[in-house]
Protein backbone atom coordinates (compact mmCIF):
# COMPACT_ATOMS: atom_id res chain seq x y z
CA MET A 1 -88.37 186.47 120.76
CA ALA A 2 -92.05 187.02 119.95
CA ARG A 3 -91.05 189.69 117.41
CA LEU A 4 -88.55 187.29 115.82
CA ARG A 5 -91.24 184.60 115.49
CA CYS A 6 -93.58 187.16 113.90
CA VAL A 7 -90.92 188.18 111.33
CA THR A 8 -90.19 184.52 110.59
CA ARG A 9 -93.86 183.76 109.96
CA SER A 10 -94.13 186.79 107.69
CA LEU A 11 -91.14 185.68 105.63
CA MET A 12 -92.54 182.15 105.37
CA ALA A 13 -95.89 183.50 104.20
CA LEU A 14 -94.16 185.65 101.57
CA ALA A 15 -92.07 182.72 100.38
CA ALA A 16 -95.21 180.65 99.97
CA THR A 17 -96.52 183.15 97.42
CA LEU A 18 -93.36 182.99 95.27
CA PRO A 19 -92.43 180.19 92.83
CA ALA A 20 -89.86 177.83 94.23
CA LEU A 21 -86.38 178.05 92.77
CA GLY A 22 -86.31 175.76 89.75
CA ALA A 23 -90.10 175.22 89.91
CA ILE A 24 -91.65 173.73 86.76
CA ALA A 25 -94.29 175.77 84.96
CA ASP A 26 -97.79 174.40 85.47
CA PRO A 27 -98.87 172.80 82.14
CA THR A 28 -102.46 174.04 82.29
CA GLU A 29 -101.48 177.62 83.09
CA LEU A 30 -98.64 177.57 80.55
CA GLN A 31 -100.93 176.31 77.78
CA LYS A 32 -103.44 179.10 78.41
CA THR A 33 -100.68 181.74 78.54
CA LEU A 34 -99.09 180.55 75.28
CA GLN A 35 -102.44 180.21 73.54
CA ASP A 36 -103.53 183.71 74.52
CA ALA A 37 -100.24 185.17 73.23
CA MET A 38 -99.80 183.11 70.02
CA GLN A 39 -102.92 181.50 68.68
CA GLY A 40 -104.06 182.98 65.38
CA LYS A 41 -100.94 185.10 64.96
CA VAL A 42 -98.30 184.92 62.23
CA LEU A 43 -94.90 184.59 63.89
CA MET A 44 -91.44 184.72 62.34
CA ILE A 45 -89.04 182.01 63.48
CA ARG A 46 -85.60 183.14 64.65
CA GLY A 47 -82.77 182.02 62.38
CA PHE A 48 -85.19 181.83 59.40
CA PRO A 49 -85.43 178.02 59.18
CA ILE A 50 -87.71 176.57 56.50
CA ASP A 51 -88.09 173.15 58.13
CA GLN A 52 -91.62 171.87 58.66
CA LYS A 53 -90.61 170.21 61.93
CA ILE A 54 -88.30 171.88 64.45
CA THR A 55 -87.46 170.54 67.89
CA TYR A 56 -85.95 172.55 70.76
CA ASP A 57 -84.59 171.42 74.11
CA ARG A 58 -85.59 172.84 77.49
CA SER A 59 -83.01 175.63 77.00
CA LEU A 60 -84.81 176.51 73.74
CA ARG A 61 -81.88 175.51 71.56
CA PRO A 62 -82.72 173.62 68.35
CA ILE A 63 -81.81 169.94 68.62
CA SER A 64 -83.13 168.94 65.20
CA GLN A 65 -81.31 169.84 62.00
CA VAL A 66 -82.48 173.21 60.68
CA HIS A 67 -82.06 174.76 57.24
CA PRO A 68 -81.89 178.58 57.27
CA ASP A 69 -83.29 180.39 54.27
CA SER A 70 -85.13 183.66 53.62
CA TRP A 71 -87.08 185.61 56.22
CA THR A 72 -89.90 185.68 53.67
CA LEU A 73 -90.30 181.91 54.06
CA SER A 74 -89.80 181.34 57.79
CA ASN A 75 -93.20 182.10 59.28
CA ILE A 76 -95.95 180.17 61.01
CA GLN A 77 -99.61 181.02 61.54
CA VAL A 78 -100.24 179.40 64.89
CA ASP A 79 -103.36 177.25 64.92
CA ALA A 80 -102.84 175.34 68.16
CA VAL A 81 -100.69 175.25 71.29
CA THR A 82 -100.73 172.18 73.52
CA VAL A 83 -98.76 171.63 76.71
CA SER A 84 -98.25 168.36 78.54
CA PRO A 85 -95.64 167.40 81.16
CA GLY A 86 -92.24 167.75 79.47
CA LEU A 87 -93.60 168.81 76.08
CA VAL A 88 -94.84 171.99 74.38
CA GLU A 89 -96.22 171.72 70.83
CA ILE A 90 -96.90 174.72 68.59
CA SER A 91 -98.49 173.87 65.26
CA GLY A 92 -99.88 175.78 62.31
CA LYS A 93 -99.55 176.58 58.62
CA HIS A 94 -96.56 177.93 56.75
CA VAL A 95 -96.85 181.58 55.67
CA SER A 96 -94.68 183.40 53.13
CA TYR A 97 -94.28 187.10 52.49
CA GLY A 98 -94.66 188.32 48.91
CA PHE A 99 -94.06 191.82 47.56
CA ASN A 100 -97.03 193.76 46.17
CA GLU A 101 -95.69 196.16 43.55
CA LEU A 102 -98.84 198.30 43.60
CA THR A 103 -98.73 199.05 47.33
CA ARG A 104 -94.95 198.64 47.61
CA GLN A 105 -95.58 196.52 50.69
CA PHE A 106 -95.00 192.91 51.71
CA VAL A 107 -98.17 190.88 52.18
CA GLN A 108 -98.76 187.52 53.85
CA VAL A 109 -99.21 184.57 51.50
CA PRO A 110 -100.77 181.48 53.17
CA GLU A 111 -99.17 178.21 52.14
CA LYS A 112 -100.38 174.60 52.34
CA GLN A 113 -97.47 173.18 54.31
CA ASP A 114 -97.83 172.41 58.02
CA VAL A 115 -95.24 173.65 60.52
CA HIS A 116 -94.73 171.86 63.82
CA ILE A 117 -92.56 173.18 66.65
CA ARG A 118 -91.76 171.00 69.69
CA ILE A 119 -90.09 172.00 72.95
CA GLU A 120 -88.92 168.94 74.85
CA GLY A 121 -88.16 168.93 78.57
CA GLU A 122 -89.58 170.51 81.69
CA LEU A 123 -89.61 174.31 81.51
CA GLU A 124 -88.74 176.18 84.70
CA GLY A 125 -90.33 179.40 85.89
CA THR A 126 -93.79 180.90 85.77
CA ALA A 127 -95.94 180.70 82.66
CA ASN A 128 -95.17 184.33 81.81
CA GLU A 129 -91.43 183.77 82.26
CA VAL A 130 -91.56 180.81 79.88
CA LEU A 131 -93.55 182.90 77.38
CA ASP A 132 -90.93 185.65 77.50
CA ARG A 133 -88.17 183.13 76.79
CA VAL A 134 -90.09 181.52 73.92
CA ARG A 135 -90.80 184.94 72.41
CA SER A 136 -87.17 186.05 72.60
CA GLN A 137 -85.37 182.78 71.77
CA ILE A 138 -87.59 180.99 69.25
CA PHE A 139 -89.44 183.83 67.54
CA LEU A 140 -88.70 187.33 66.29
CA TRP A 141 -91.57 189.04 68.07
CA GLU A 142 -90.86 192.73 67.46
CA LYS A 143 -90.15 194.52 64.16
CA LYS A 144 -86.87 195.85 65.54
CA ASP A 145 -85.78 192.27 66.25
CA VAL A 146 -86.63 191.26 62.68
CA TYR A 147 -84.61 194.12 61.19
CA ALA A 148 -81.60 193.36 63.43
CA ALA A 149 -81.64 189.73 62.26
CA LEU A 150 -81.86 190.49 58.53
CA PRO A 151 -78.81 189.96 56.28
CA ASP A 152 -77.16 193.05 54.80
CA LEU A 153 -78.92 192.59 51.44
CA TRP A 154 -82.30 193.17 53.06
CA LYS A 155 -81.20 195.86 55.49
CA GLU A 156 -79.87 197.87 52.55
CA TYR A 157 -83.10 197.31 50.62
CA PHE A 158 -85.35 198.51 53.45
CA ASN A 159 -83.14 201.56 54.00
CA PHE A 160 -83.33 202.28 50.26
CA ALA A 161 -87.12 201.80 50.20
CA ALA A 162 -87.56 204.11 53.19
CA GLU A 163 -85.46 206.79 51.49
CA GLN A 164 -87.47 206.43 48.25
CA ALA A 165 -90.72 206.76 50.18
CA ARG A 166 -89.43 209.86 51.92
CA LYS A 167 -88.44 211.44 48.61
CA SER A 168 -91.82 210.65 47.04
CA LYS A 169 -93.55 212.67 49.75
CA GLU A 170 -91.44 215.73 49.07
CA GLU A 171 -92.86 218.40 46.82
CA PRO A 172 -91.66 217.76 43.26
CA LYS A 173 -89.21 220.27 41.88
CA LEU A 174 -89.27 221.54 38.31
CA ILE A 175 -86.17 220.58 36.39
CA ALA A 176 -85.19 222.44 33.24
CA ARG A 177 -84.83 219.91 30.45
CA PRO A 178 -81.92 220.46 28.04
CA LYS A 179 -82.99 221.24 24.50
CA PHE A 180 -82.44 218.42 22.04
CA ASP A 181 -81.27 219.23 18.54
CA PRO A 182 -81.46 216.13 16.30
CA SER A 183 -79.36 217.84 13.65
CA GLN A 184 -76.35 217.86 15.97
CA PRO A 185 -74.11 214.78 16.24
CA PRO A 186 -73.89 213.02 19.63
CA PRO A 187 -71.02 213.92 21.95
CA ALA A 188 -67.72 212.36 20.96
CA ASP A 189 -67.54 210.35 24.19
CA TRP A 190 -70.69 208.45 23.27
CA THR A 191 -69.12 206.85 20.25
CA LYS A 192 -66.12 205.71 22.31
CA LEU A 193 -68.21 204.00 25.01
CA LYS A 194 -69.37 200.42 24.43
CA PRO A 195 -71.89 199.01 26.94
CA PRO A 196 -71.40 195.66 28.68
CA GLN A 197 -72.78 192.51 27.06
CA LEU A 198 -74.08 189.39 28.80
CA THR A 199 -72.08 186.30 27.84
CA TYR A 200 -73.33 183.72 30.37
CA ARG A 201 -76.55 183.56 32.34
CA ALA A 202 -77.01 181.05 35.16
CA ARG A 203 -80.57 179.91 35.69
CA PRO A 204 -81.92 180.75 39.16
CA SER A 205 -83.08 177.93 41.41
CA LEU A 206 -86.58 177.89 42.87
CA PRO A 207 -87.63 178.26 46.49
CA PRO A 208 -88.99 175.11 48.14
CA HIS A 209 -92.64 174.38 47.39
CA HIS A 210 -92.73 177.05 44.67
CA GLU A 211 -92.86 176.78 40.88
CA LEU A 212 -91.85 178.88 37.89
CA MET A 213 -93.78 182.15 37.94
CA ASN A 214 -93.98 185.19 35.72
CA VAL A 215 -91.99 187.27 38.19
CA GLY A 216 -88.63 188.98 38.25
CA ALA A 217 -86.42 190.62 40.85
CA MET A 218 -84.81 193.91 39.87
CA LEU A 219 -81.22 194.15 41.00
CA GLU A 220 -78.66 196.90 40.71
CA ILE A 221 -75.12 195.67 40.12
CA ASP A 222 -71.63 196.79 39.25
CA ILE A 223 -70.17 194.98 36.25
CA ASP A 224 -66.48 194.80 37.00
CA THR A 225 -63.67 195.00 34.48
CA ASP A 226 -63.29 191.20 34.75
CA GLY A 227 -66.91 190.74 33.67
CA SER A 228 -68.29 189.65 37.03
CA ALA A 229 -71.25 191.12 38.93
CA LYS A 230 -70.25 192.94 42.12
CA ASN A 231 -72.00 195.03 44.77
CA VAL A 232 -75.45 193.53 44.22
CA HIS A 233 -78.37 195.59 45.58
CA LEU A 234 -82.04 194.65 45.65
CA ARG A 235 -84.31 197.30 44.17
CA VAL A 236 -87.68 195.64 43.40
CA PRO A 237 -88.11 192.38 45.32
CA ILE A 238 -90.45 189.43 44.84
CA GLY A 239 -90.45 187.83 48.27
CA MET A 240 -91.29 184.15 48.94
CA GLY A 241 -87.59 183.23 48.79
CA TYR A 242 -87.07 184.24 45.15
CA ASP A 243 -84.84 187.26 45.79
CA GLU A 244 -82.01 185.37 47.49
CA ARG A 245 -81.99 182.94 44.59
CA ALA A 246 -81.88 185.80 42.08
CA VAL A 247 -78.83 187.21 43.86
CA GLU A 248 -77.21 183.77 43.92
CA ALA A 249 -77.81 183.34 40.19
CA ILE A 250 -76.53 186.76 39.12
CA SER A 251 -73.31 186.23 41.06
CA LYS A 252 -72.58 183.50 38.48
CA TRP A 253 -73.45 185.61 35.42
CA ARG A 254 -70.62 186.80 33.22
CA PHE A 255 -70.36 189.85 31.00
CA ARG A 256 -68.10 191.37 28.43
CA PRO A 257 -67.27 194.56 30.35
CA ALA A 258 -68.00 198.01 29.05
CA THR A 259 -65.11 199.75 27.32
CA LYS A 260 -64.11 203.28 26.59
CA ASP A 261 -61.39 203.90 24.05
CA GLY A 262 -60.91 200.14 24.07
CA LYS A 263 -60.21 199.98 27.82
CA PRO A 264 -62.53 198.05 30.15
CA LEU A 265 -64.28 199.99 32.89
CA THR A 266 -66.67 199.24 35.73
CA THR A 267 -70.29 200.19 35.06
CA ARG A 268 -73.44 200.16 37.14
CA MET A 269 -76.70 198.90 35.70
CA SER A 270 -80.12 197.52 36.66
CA ILE A 271 -81.01 193.97 35.65
CA VAL A 272 -84.17 191.90 36.12
CA VAL A 273 -83.60 188.25 36.99
CA SER A 274 -86.66 186.41 35.68
CA PHE A 275 -88.15 183.17 37.00
CA THR A 276 -90.21 182.42 33.93
CA SER A 277 -89.23 179.41 31.82
CA PHE A 278 -86.18 180.00 29.70
């Protein structure tokens, strides 16, 4: 009996050191934990919303209307984290990602707009458990998570860019150039091939909070025999939400297809969609 009482006391002592089932995270401890993990960092918001105010419930599901857009627009530089009973507030400035053509890298572009994230309701668990849920359900914390969440347009671009970078590191190979004789006529096939011609160009829309800029996104497309643009691939991006709008615009462009011997054929070409004034 004495041994049973000893075991019981030991179990009770152990239970006292563990959080009670369904226990609410202590606001003071949770605020410090969230601040240490987030404050001063640029975090990407899961789902890529561009809303300046987003509200989540205690299960970390958005309960306010959200408007998904580009990953290059859905970022917050956390300035402050405050926790009170039943409410967590994460506030900061909006940050975009723009493409630097010289370094071939995306760089952070601070914006003027404020971003405010609210989590309403009591959050259960320890402060670290709540942090883990916030990191995994509200933000894209790791690079692998960002890549997995990207649309196919961007996954293909990053795969293409990685392959180009790999090739640029390889030792260049000498290629024998064919001799050109200007006195000789061009091959017969050249005179039978007529390139495609643009017949209608839709003007691209602008990302929110951005204006016309002297920038252009280079896209690679197939011009189908019906004159439409198919299989659009991003080759030189802009960032800041412009690329998705370039793709949207070029899907509305129309061409007179290329022909050979008078018959239309599908051709692949590179096109720059410009955001300067028309």
